[in-house]
PDB file of N, CA and C in Angstrom:
ATOM      1  N   UNK A   1       0.704  -0.902   0.060  1.00  0.00           N
ATOM      2  CA  UNK A   1       0.025  -0.070   0.316  1.00  0.00           C
ATOM      3  C   UNK A   1       0.925   1.126  -0.117  1.00  0.00           C
ATOM      4  N   UNK A   2       0.452   2.197  -1.076  1.00  0.00           N
ATOM      5  CA  UNK A   2       1.412   3.129  -1.026  1.00  0.00           C
ATOM      6  C   UNK A   2       0.834   4.067   0.280  1.00  0.00           C
ATOM      7  N   UNK A   3       2.173   4.732   1.159  1.00  0.00           N
ATOM      8  CA  UNK A   3       1.483   6.025   2.373  1.00  0.00           C
ATOM      9  C   UNK A   3       3.078   6.247   2.288  1.00  0.00           C
ATOM     10  N   UNK A   4       2.820   7.862   2.923  1.00  0.00           N
ATOM     11  CA  UNK A   4       4.199   8.548   3.261  1.00  0.00           C
ATOM     12  C   UNK A   4       5.091   8.028   3.978  1.00  0.00           C
ATOM     13  N   UNK A   5       6.252   7.812   3.491  1.00  0.00           N
ATOM     14  CA  UNK A   5       7.444   6.773   4.095  1.00  0.00           C
ATOM     15  C   UNK A   5       8.164   7.751   5.371  1.00  0.00           C
ATOM     16  N   UNK A   6       8.292   8.718   5.511  1.00  0.00           N
ATOM     17  CA  UNK A   6       8.807   9.842   5.981  1.00  0.00           C
ATOM     18  C   UNK A   6       8.012  10.288   6.840  1.00  0.00           C
ATOM     19  N   UNK A   7       6.830  10.090   7.398  1.00  0.00           N
ATOM     20  CA  UNK A   7       5.921  10.206   8.161  1.00  0.00           C
ATOM     21  C   UNK A   7       4.571  10.019   8.095  1.00  0.00           C
ATOM     22  N   UNK A   8       4.202   9.851   9.357  1.00  0.00           N
ATOM     23  CA  UNK A   8       3.001   9.402  10.232  1.00  0.00           C
ATOM     24  C   UNK A   8       1.828   9.252   9.167  1.00  0.00           C
ATOM     25  N   UNK A   9       1.358   8.058   8.797  1.00  0.00           N
ATOM     26  CA  UNK A   9       0.414   7.806   7.657  1.00  0.00           C
ATOM     27  C   UNK A   9      -0.947   8.008   7.676  1.00  0.00           C
ATOM     28  N   UNK A  10      -1.405   8.703   8.388  1.00  0.00           N
ATOM     29  CA  UNK A  10      -2.719   9.323   8.645  1.00  0.00           C
ATOM     30  C   UNK A  10      -2.485  10.686   9.225  1.00  0.00           C
ATOM     31  N   UNK A  11      -1.659  11.528   9.517  1.00  0.00           N
ATOM     32  CA  UNK A  11      -1.702  12.696   9.960  1.00  0.00           C
ATOM     33  C   UNK A  11      -0.502  13.278   9.528  1.00  0.00           C
ATOM     34  N   UNK A  12       0.164  12.498   8.842  1.00  0.00           N
ATOM     35  CA  UNK A  12       2.205  13.261   8.055  1.00  0.00           C
ATOM     36  C   UNK A  12       2.681  13.892   9.156  1.00  0.00           C
ATOM     37  N   UNK A  13       2.338  13.811  10.573  1.00  0.00           N
ATOM     38  CA  UNK A  13       3.115  14.370  11.409  1.00  0.00           C
ATOM     39  C   UNK A  13       4.736  13.395  11.023  1.00  0.00           C
ATOM     40  N   UNK A  14       5.847  14.063  11.925  1.00  0.00           N
ATOM     41  CA  UNK A  14       7.273  13.555  11.831  1.00  0.00           C
ATOM     42  C   UNK A  14       7.568  13.109  13.352  1.00  0.00           C
ATOM     43  N   UNK A  15       6.742  13.478  14.140  1.00  0.00           N
ATOM     44  CA  UNK A  15       7.228  13.556  15.598  1.00  0.00           C
ATOM     45  C   UNK A  15       6.517  11.656  15.917  1.00  0.00           C
ATOM     46  N   UNK A  16       7.388  10.984  16.809  1.00  0.00           N
ATOM     47  CA  UNK A  16       6.587   9.854  17.389  1.00  0.00           C
ATOM     48  C   UNK A  16       7.387   8.510  16.882  1.00  0.00           C
ATOM     49  N   UNK A  17       7.292   7.839  17.321  1.00  0.00           N
ATOM     50  CA  UNK A  17       8.068   6.582  16.478  1.00  0.00           C
ATOM     51  C   UNK A  17       6.939   5.493  17.132  1.00  0.00           C
ATOM     52  N   UNK A  18       5.844   5.365  16.491  1.00  0.00           N
ATOM     53  CA  UNK A  18       4.930   4.127  17.100  1.00  0.00           C
ATOM     54  C   UNK A  18       4.660   3.368  15.184  1.00  0.00           C
ATOM     55  N   UNK A  19       4.728   2.190  15.350  1.00  0.00           N
ATOM     56  CA  UNK A  19       5.400   0.906  13.963  1.00  0.00           C
ATOM     57  C   UNK A  19       4.095   0.699  14.191  1.00  0.00           C
ATOM     58  N   UNK A  20       3.378  -0.285  13.202  1.00  0.00           N
ATOM     59  CA  UNK A  20       2.345  -1.157  13.525  1.00  0.00           C
ATOM     60  C   UNK A  20       2.057  -1.576  12.025  1.00  0.00           C
ATOM     61  N   UNK A  21       1.850  -2.785  11.949  1.00  0.00           N
ATOM     62  CA  UNK A  21       1.629  -3.491  10.884  1.00  0.00           C
ATOM     63  C   UNK A  21      -0.104  -3.334  10.306  1.00  0.00           C
ATOM     64  N   UNK A  22      -0.149  -2.951   9.431  1.00  0.00           N
ATOM     65  CA  UNK A  22      -1.767  -3.044   8.857  1.00  0.00           C
ATOM     66  C   UNK A  22      -1.804  -3.516   7.416  1.00  0.00           C
ATOM     67  N   UNK A  23      -2.788  -4.129   7.196  1.00  0.00           N
ATOM     68  CA  UNK A  23      -2.660  -5.142   6.305  1.00  0.00           C
ATOM     69  C   UNK A  23      -1.769  -5.877   5.800  1.00  0.00           C
ATOM     70  N   UNK A  24      -0.538  -5.905   6.660  1.00  0.00           N
ATOM     71  CA  UNK A  24       0.334  -6.942   6.389  1.00  0.00           C
ATOM     72  C   UNK A  24       1.684  -6.025   6.193  1.00  0.00           C
ATOM     73  N   UNK A  25       1.779  -4.753   6.315  1.00  0.00           N
ATOM     74  CA  UNK A  25       2.169  -3.954   6.191  1.00  0.00           C
ATOM     75  C   UNK A  25       2.676  -3.080   7.265  1.00  0.00           C
ATOM     76  N   UNK A  26       4.017  -3.366   7.492  1.00  0.00           N
ATOM     77  CA  UNK A  26       4.720  -2.249   8.502  1.00  0.00           C
ATOM     78  C   UNK A  26       4.721  -0.815   8.535  1.00  0.00           C
ATOM     79  N   UNK A  27       4.079   0.056   8.966  1.00  0.00           N
ATOM     80  CA  UNK A  27       3.863   1.401   8.796  1.00  0.00           C
ATOM     81  C   UNK A  27       4.331   2.446   9.875  1.00  0.00           C
ATOM     82  N   UNK A  28       4.704   3.591   9.567  1.00  0.00           N
ATOM     83  CA  UNK A  28       5.179   4.230  10.718  1.00  0.00           C
ATOM     84  C   UNK A  28       3.661   4.864  10.772  1.00  0.00           C
ATOM     85  N   UNK A  29       4.022   6.001  12.300  1.00  0.00           N
ATOM     86  CA  UNK A  29       2.304   6.374  12.877  1.00  0.00           C
ATOM     87  C   UNK A  29       3.361   7.007  13.643  1.00  0.00           C
ATOM     88  N   UNK A  30       2.718   8.635  13.975  1.00  0.00           N
ATOM     89  CA  UNK A  30       3.595   9.334  15.444  1.00  0.00           C
ATOM     90  C   UNK A  30       2.636   8.665  17.028  1.00  0.00           C
ATOM     91  N   UNK A  31       1.712   8.329  16.615  1.00  0.00           N
ATOM     92  CA  UNK A  31       1.108   7.636  18.003  1.00  0.00           C
ATOM     93  C   UNK A  31       0.386   5.900  17.574  1.00  0.00           C
ATOM     94  N   UNK A  32      -0.272   5.320  18.414  1.00  0.00           N
ATOM     95  CA  UNK A  32      -1.046   4.537  18.603  1.00  0.00           C
ATOM     96  C   UNK A  32      -2.495   4.701  17.991  1.00  0.00           C
ATOM     97  N   UNK A  33      -3.007   6.240  18.590  1.00  0.00           N
ATOM     98  CA  UNK A  33      -4.386   6.827  18.021  1.00  0.00           C
ATOM     99  C   UNK A  33      -4.304   6.873  16.875  1.00  0.00           C
ATOM    100  N   UNK A  34      -3.061   7.567  16.021  1.00  0.00           N
ATOM    101  CA  UNK A  34      -3.082   7.415  14.327  1.00  0.00           C
ATOM    102  C   UNK A  34      -3.125   6.021  13.807  1.00  0.00           C
ATOM    103  N   UNK A  35      -2.405   5.044  14.630  1.00  0.00           N
ATOM    104  CA  UNK A  35      -2.350   3.466  14.032  1.00  0.00           C
ATOM    105  C   UNK A  35      -3.547   3.103  14.216  1.00  0.00           C
ATOM    106  N   UNK A  36      -4.453   3.295  15.036  1.00  0.00           N
ATOM    107  CA  UNK A  36      -6.020   2.622  15.270  1.00  0.00           C
ATOM    108  C   UNK A  36      -6.599   3.487  14.399  1.00  0.00           C
ATOM    109  N   UNK A  37      -6.809   4.715  14.101  1.00  0.00           N
ATOM    110  CA  UNK A  37      -7.509   5.559  13.080  1.00  0.00           C
ATOM    111  C   UNK A  37      -7.472   4.908  11.802  1.00  0.00           C
ATOM    112  N   UNK A  38      -6.218   4.549  11.092  1.00  0.00           N
ATOM    113  CA  UNK A  38      -5.771   4.203   9.901  1.00  0.00           C
ATOM    114  C   UNK A  38      -6.220   3.081   9.508  1.00  0.00           C
ATOM    115  N   UNK A  39      -6.061   1.925  10.334  1.00  0.00           N
ATOM    116  CA  UNK A  39      -6.451   0.727  10.437  1.00  0.00           C
ATOM    117  C   UNK A  39      -8.009   0.973   9.727  1.00  0.00           C
ATOM    118  N   UNK A  40      -8.509   1.067  10.903  1.00  0.00           N
ATOM    119  CA  UNK A  40     -10.327   1.391  11.043  1.00  0.00           C
ATOM    120  C   UNK A  40     -10.341   1.854   9.654  1.00  0.00           C
ATOM    121  N   UNK A  41      -9.622   2.992   9.206  1.00  0.00           N
ATOM    122  CA  UNK A  41      -9.895   3.106   7.716  1.00  0.00           C
ATOM    123  C   UNK A  41      -9.991   1.991   6.605  1.00  0.00           C
ATOM    124  N   UNK A  42      -8.751   1.549   6.696  1.00  0.00           N
ATOM    125  CA  UNK A  42      -8.413   0.206   5.762  1.00  0.00           C
ATOM    126  C   UNK A  42      -9.684  -0.755   6.213  1.00  0.00           C
ATOM    127  N   UNK A  43      -9.741  -0.899   7.395  1.00  0.00           N
ATOM    128  CA  UNK A  43     -11.219  -1.919   7.414  1.00  0.00           C
ATOM    129  C   UNK A  43     -12.669  -1.732   7.157  1.00  0.00           C
ATOM    130  N   UNK A  44     -12.882  -0.582   7.329  1.00  0.00           N
ATOM    131  CA  UNK A  44     -13.996  -0.317   6.809  1.00  0.00           C
ATOM    132  C   UNK A  44     -14.168   0.079   5.184  1.00  0.00           C
ATOM    133  N   UNK A  45     -13.224   0.808   4.636  1.00  0.00           N
ATOM    134  CA  UNK A  45     -13.182   0.637   3.441  1.00  0.00           C
ATOM    135  C   UNK A  45     -13.405  -0.596   2.490  1.00  0.00           C
ATOM    136  N   UNK A  46     -12.215  -1.524   2.775  1.00  0.00           N
ATOM    137  CA  UNK A  46     -12.419  -2.534   2.899  1.00  0.00           C
ATOM    138  C   UNK A  46     -14.223  -3.879   2.740  1.00  0.00           C
ATOM    139  N   UNK A  47     -14.552  -3.075   3.717  1.00  0.00           N
ATOM    140  CA  UNK A  47     -16.066  -3.712   3.793  1.00  0.00           C
ATOM    141  C   UNK A  47     -17.328  -3.092   2.847  1.00  0.00           C
ATOM    142  N   UNK A  48     -16.762  -1.778   3.092  1.00  0.00           N
ATOM    143  CA  UNK A  48     -18.079  -0.922   2.184  1.00  0.00           C
ATOM    144  C   UNK A  48     -17.727  -1.215   0.624  1.00  0.00           C
ATOM    145  N   UNK A  49     -16.503  -1.315   0.391  1.00  0.00           N
ATOM    146  CA  UNK A  49     -16.031  -1.883  -1.130  1.00  0.00           C
ATOM    147  C   UNK A  49     -16.251  -3.054  -1.652  1.00  0.00           C
ATOM    148  N   UNK A  50     -15.952  -4.380  -0.700  1.00  0.00           N
ATOM    149  CA  UNK A  50     -15.302  -5.754  -1.008  1.00  0.00           C
ATOM    150  C   UNK A  50     -13.917  -5.926  -1.913  1.00  0.00           C
ATOM    151  N   UNK A  51     -13.297  -4.751  -1.717  1.00  0.00           N
ATOM    152  CA  UNK A  51     -11.601  -4.652  -1.758  1.00  0.00           C
ATOM    153  C   UNK A  51     -11.013  -5.403  -1.237  1.00  0.00           C
ATOM    154  N   UNK A  52     -10.101  -6.712  -1.550  1.00  0.00           N
ATOM    155  CA  UNK A  52      -9.019  -7.371  -0.890  1.00  0.00           C
ATOM    156  C   UNK A  52      -8.239  -6.755  -0.441  1.00  0.00           C
ATOM    157  N   UNK A  53      -8.088  -5.569  -1.435  1.00  0.00           N
ATOM    158  CA  UNK A  53      -6.507  -4.962  -1.055  1.00  0.00           C
ATOM    159  C   UNK A  53      -6.524  -3.433  -1.694  1.00  0.00           C
ATOM    160  N   UNK A  54      -6.075  -2.642  -0.889  1.00  0.00           N
ATOM    161  CA  UNK A  54      -5.710  -1.529  -1.318  1.00  0.00           C
ATOM    162  C   UNK A  54      -4.251  -0.416  -1.655  1.00  0.00           C
ATOM    163  N   UNK A  55      -4.508  -0.130  -2.765  1.00  0.00           N
ATOM    164  CA  UNK A  55      -3.119   0.102  -3.314  1.00  0.00           C
ATOM    165  C   UNK A  55      -2.630   1.262  -3.201  1.00  0.00           C
ATOM    166  N   UNK A  56      -3.593   2.606  -2.775  1.00  0.00           N
ATOM    167  CA  UNK A  56      -3.159   3.646  -1.762  1.00  0.00           C
ATOM    168  C   UNK A  56      -4.375   4.746  -1.610  1.00  0.00           C
ATOM    169  N   UNK A  57      -3.593   5.197  -0.569  1.00  0.00           N
ATOM    170  CA  UNK A  57      -4.898   5.848   0.291  1.00  0.00           C
ATOM    171  C   UNK A  57      -4.451   7.258   0.515  1.00  0.00           C
ATOM    172  N   UNK A  58      -5.055   8.209  -0.098  1.00  0.00           N
ATOM    173  CA  UNK A  58      -4.873   9.814   0.081  1.00  0.00           C
ATOM    174  C   UNK A  58      -5.684  10.536   0.981  1.00  0.00           C
ATOM    175  N   UNK A  59      -4.796  11.069   2.136  1.00  0.00           N
ATOM    176  CA  UNK A  59      -5.920  11.734   3.505  1.00  0.00           C
ATOM    177  C   UNK A  59      -5.488  12.883   3.271  1.00  0.00           C
ATOM    178  N   UNK A  60      -6.446  13.878   3.273  1.00  0.00           N
ATOM    179  CA  UNK A  60      -6.453  15.469   3.563  1.00  0.00           C
ATOM    180  C   UNK A  60      -7.114  15.897   4.647  1.00  0.00           C
ATOM    181  N   UNK A  61      -7.016  16.661   5.640  1.00  0.00           N
ATOM    182  CA  UNK A  61      -7.563  16.891   6.361  1.00  0.00           C
ATOM    183  C   UNK A  61      -7.054  17.189   7.727  1.00  0.00           C
ATOM    184  N   UNK A  62      -7.875  17.057   8.554  1.00  0.00           N
ATOM    185  CA  UNK A  62      -7.353  16.909  10.324  1.00  0.00           C
ATOM    186  C   UNK A  62      -8.418  16.508  11.578  1.00  0.00           C
ATOM    187  N   UNK A  63      -8.453  16.600  12.441  1.00  0.00           N
ATOM    188  CA  UNK A  63      -9.096  16.121  13.765  1.00  0.00           C
ATOM    189  C   UNK A  63     -10.377  16.069  12.927  1.00  0.00           C
ATOM    190  N   UNK A  64     -10.968  17.588  12.853  1.00  0.00           N
ATOM    191  CA  UNK A  64     -12.051  17.873  12.447  1.00  0.00           C
ATOM    192  C   UNK A  64     -12.919  16.772  11.243  1.00  0.00           C
ATOM    193  N   UNK A  65     -12.000  16.224  10.714  1.00  0.00           N
ATOM    194  CA  UNK A  65     -12.440  15.346   9.557  1.00  0.00           C
ATOM    195  C   UNK A  65     -11.803  15.390   8.785  1.00  0.00           C
ATOM    196  N   UNK A  66     -11.554  14.051   7.956  1.00  0.00           N
ATOM    197  CA  UNK A  66     -10.610  13.679   6.759  1.00  0.00           C
ATOM    198  C   UNK A  66     -11.290  13.401   5.502  1.00  0.00           C
ATOM    199  N   UNK A  67     -10.672  13.952   4.214  1.00  0.00           N
ATOM    200  CA  UNK A  67     -11.896  13.444   2.831  1.00  0.00           C
ATOM    201  C   UNK A  67     -10.378  12.690   2.586  1.00  0.00           C
ATOM    202  N   UNK A  68     -10.671  11.559   1.951  1.00  0.00           N
ATOM    203  CA  UNK A  68     -10.323  10.552   1.397  1.00  0.00           C
ATOM    204  C   UNK A  68     -10.497  10.057   0.224  1.00  0.00           C
ATOM    205  N   UNK A  69      -9.078   9.533  -0.186  1.00  0.00           N
ATOM    206  CA  UNK A  69      -9.716   8.564  -1.552  1.00  0.00           C
ATOM    207  C   UNK A  69      -8.598   7.517  -1.467  1.00  0.00           C
ATOM    208  N   UNK A  70      -9.288   6.437  -2.040  1.00  0.00           N
ATOM    209  CA  UNK A  70      -8.462   5.168  -2.021  1.00  0.00           C
ATOM    210  C   UNK A  70      -8.823   4.714  -3.405  1.00  0.00           C
ATOM    211  N   UNK A  71      -7.245   4.040  -3.272  1.00  0.00           N
ATOM    212  CA  UNK A  71      -7.289   3.569  -4.704  1.00  0.00           C
ATOM    213  C   UNK A  71      -7.268   2.184  -5.217  1.00  0.00           C
ATOM    214  N   UNK A  72      -7.679   1.351  -5.715  1.00  0.00           N
ATOM    215  CA  UNK A  72      -7.543  -0.083  -6.141  1.00  0.00           C
ATOM    216  C   UNK A  72      -7.765  -0.155  -7.406  1.00  0.00           C
ATOM    217  N   UNK A  73      -6.580  -0.392  -8.032  1.00  0.00           N
ATOM    218  CA  UNK A  73      -6.369  -0.475  -9.551  1.00  0.00           C
ATOM    219  C   UNK A  73      -7.021   0.980 -10.383  1.00  0.00           C
ATOM    220  N   UNK A  74      -7.824   0.860 -11.369  1.00  0.00           N
ATOM    221  CA  UNK A  74      -8.268   1.916 -11.755  1.00  0.00           C
ATOM    222  C   UNK A  74      -9.473   2.598 -11.092  1.00  0.00           C
ATOM    223  N   UNK A  75      -9.667   1.744  -9.657  1.00  0.00           N
ATOM    224  CA  UNK A  75     -11.001   1.876  -9.537  1.00  0.00           C
ATOM    225  C   UNK A  75     -10.848   3.318  -8.217  1.00  0.00           C
ATOM    226  N   UNK A  76     -11.155   3.937  -7.533  1.00  0.00           N
ATOM    227  CA  UNK A  76     -11.553   5.225  -6.549  1.00  0.00           C
ATOM    228  C   UNK A  76     -12.491   4.948  -5.659  1.00  0.00           C
ATOM    229  N   UNK A  77     -12.357   5.039  -4.553  1.00  0.00           N
ATOM    230  CA  UNK A  77     -13.625   4.922  -3.443  1.00  0.00           C
ATOM    231  C   UNK A  77     -13.048   6.153  -2.591  1.00  0.00           C
ATOM    232  N   UNK A  78     -14.265   7.585  -2.761  1.00  0.00           N
ATOM    233  CA  UNK A  78     -14.051   9.047  -1.780  1.00  0.00           C
ATOM    234  C   UNK A  78     -14.888   8.635  -0.681  1.00  0.00           C
ATOM    235  N   UNK A  79     -14.665   9.439   0.417  1.00  0.00           N
ATOM    236  CA  UNK A  79     -15.268   9.247   1.387  1.00  0.00           C
ATOM    237  C   UNK A  79     -14.475  10.380   2.593  1.00  0.00           C
ATOM    238  N   UNK A  80     -15.749  11.015   3.596  1.00  0.00           N
ATOM    239  CA  UNK A  80     -15.317  12.292   4.506  1.00  0.00           C
ATOM    240  C   UNK A  80     -15.124  11.121   5.835  1.00  0.00           C
ATOM    241  N   UNK A  81     -14.186  11.234   6.633  1.00  0.00           N
ATOM    242  CA  UNK A  81     -14.369  10.324   7.998  1.00  0.00           C
ATOM    243  C   UNK A  81     -13.916  11.164   9.220  1.00  0.00           C
ATOM    244  N   UNK A  82     -14.301  11.050  10.469  1.00  0.00           N
ATOM    245  CA  UNK A  82     -14.224  11.738  11.251  1.00  0.00           C
ATOM    246  C   UNK A  82     -14.010  10.606  12.876  1.00  0.00           C
ATOM    247  N   UNK A  83     -12.899  10.871  13.758  1.00  0.00           N
ATOM    248  CA  UNK A  83     -12.365   9.784  14.308  1.00  0.00           C
ATOM    249  C   UNK A  83     -12.617  10.247  15.859  1.00  0.00           C
ATOM    250  N   UNK A  84     -12.958   9.571  16.644  1.00  0.00           N
ATOM    251  CA  UNK A  84     -12.868  10.030  18.001  1.00  0.00           C
ATOM    252  C   UNK A  84     -11.510  10.421  18.769  1.00  0.00           C
ATOM    253  N   UNK A  85     -10.720  11.381  19.103  1.00  0.00           N
ATOM    254  CA  UNK A  85      -9.480  11.901  19.253  1.00  0.00           C
ATOM    255  C   UNK A  85      -9.031  11.329  20.005  1.00  0.00           C
ATOM    256  N   UNK A  86      -9.370  10.643  21.118  1.00  0.00           N
ATOM    257  CA  UNK A  86      -9.079   9.657  22.099  1.00  0.00           C
ATOM    258  C   UNK A  86      -8.738   7.911  22.087  1.00  0.00           C
ATOM    259  N   UNK A  87      -9.203   7.203  20.865  1.00  0.00           N
ATOM    260  CA  UNK A  87      -9.720   5.803  20.980  1.00  0.00           C
ATOM    261  C   UNK A  87      -9.334   5.675  19.352  1.00  0.00           C
ATOM    262  N   UNK A  88      -9.173   6.584  18.487  1.00  0.00           N
ATOM    263  CA  UNK A  88      -9.119   6.581  16.892  1.00  0.00           C
ATOM    264  C   UNK A  88     -10.270   5.555  16.729  1.00  0.00           C
ATOM    265  N   UNK A  89     -11.406   5.682  16.916  1.00  0.00           N
ATOM    266  CA  UNK A  89     -12.507   4.936  17.008  1.00  0.00           C
ATOM    267  C   UNK A  89     -13.474   6.084  15.407  1.00  0.00           C
ATOM    268  N   UNK A  90     -14.242   5.308  14.558  1.00  0.00           N
ATOM    269  CA  UNK A  90     -14.848   6.142  13.975  1.00  0.00           C
ATOM    270  C   UNK A  90     -15.492   6.792  14.671  1.00  0.00           C
ATOM    271  N   UNK A  91     -16.244   7.825  14.026  1.00  0.00           N
ATOM    272  CA  UNK A  91     -17.124   8.978  14.483  1.00  0.00           C
ATOM    273  C   UNK A  91     -18.563   8.821  13.427  1.00  0.00           C
ATOM    274  N   UNK A  92     -18.002   9.056  12.344  1.00  0.00           N
ATOM    275  CA  UNK A  92     -18.520   8.863  11.118  1.00  0.00           C
ATOM    276  C   UNK A  92     -18.669   9.030  10.177  1.00  0.00           C
ATOM    277  N   UNK A  93     -18.887   8.536   9.421  1.00  0.00           N
ATOM    278  CA  UNK A  93     -18.153   8.010   7.962  1.00  0.00           C
ATOM    279  C   UNK A  93     -19.206   8.420   6.498  1.00  0.00           C
ATOM    280  N   UNK A  94     -18.779   9.303   5.658  1.00  0.00           N
ATOM    281  CA  UNK A  94     -19.771   9.605   4.798  1.00  0.00           C
ATOM    282  C   UNK A  94     -19.021   8.966   2.844  1.00  0.00           C
ATOM    283  N   UNK A  95     -19.857   7.899   2.596  1.00  0.00           N
ATOM    284  CA  UNK A  95     -18.840   7.453   1.504  1.00  0.00           C
ATOM    285  C   UNK A  95     -20.113   6.373   1.403  1.00  0.00           C
ATOM    286  N   UNK A  96     -20.050   6.071  -0.082  1.00  0.00           N
ATOM    287  CA  UNK A  96     -21.499   5.108  -0.719  1.00  0.00           C
ATOM    288  C   UNK A  96     -20.802   3.569  -0.557  1.00  0.00           C
ATOM    289  N   UNK A  97     -21.678   2.512  -0.084  1.00  0.00           N
ATOM    290  CA  UNK A  97     -21.193   1.744  -0.141  1.00  0.00           C
ATOM    291  C   UNK A  97     -21.441   0.766  -1.830  1.00  0.00           C
ATOM    292  N   UNK A  98     -20.199   0.290  -1.921  1.00  0.00           N
ATOM    293  CA  UNK A  98     -20.052  -0.114  -3.225  1.00  0.00           C
ATOM    294  C   UNK A  98     -20.177  -1.667  -2.991  1.00  0.00           C
ATOM    295  N   UNK A  99     -19.933  -2.453  -2.026  1.00  0.00           N
ATOM    296  CA  UNK A  99     -20.214  -3.966  -1.764  1.00  0.00           C
ATOM    297  C   UNK A  99     -20.914  -4.546  -1.947  1.00  0.00           C
ATOM    298  N   UNK A 100     -21.195  -5.792  -3.010  1.00  0.00           N
ATOM    299  CA  UNK A 100     -22.899  -5.930  -3.562  1.00  0.00           C
ATOM    300  C   UNK A 100     -23.036  -7.520  -2.109  1.00  0.00           C
TER     301      UNK A 100
END
């Protein structure tokens, strides 16, 4: 999965030192909350789209909400997501369910 290499995969911060495996790939995060939130993004998108893998995640935003585009081959899935700032759990998700 293509994610930033020199910064947190979720928030792009360069501080911290939390490493976690997400979808079989070891990734850098600034903290466990960002790692949990990122993993929740991956799992939610897989559930809604039926995709087995995600090739790339583009994330723009902050604690108030993030606009995301996930890429799977030549397909894309766009959504808006917001997390609980203390647990990384999804508070709201706006996107279209694609899985049948």
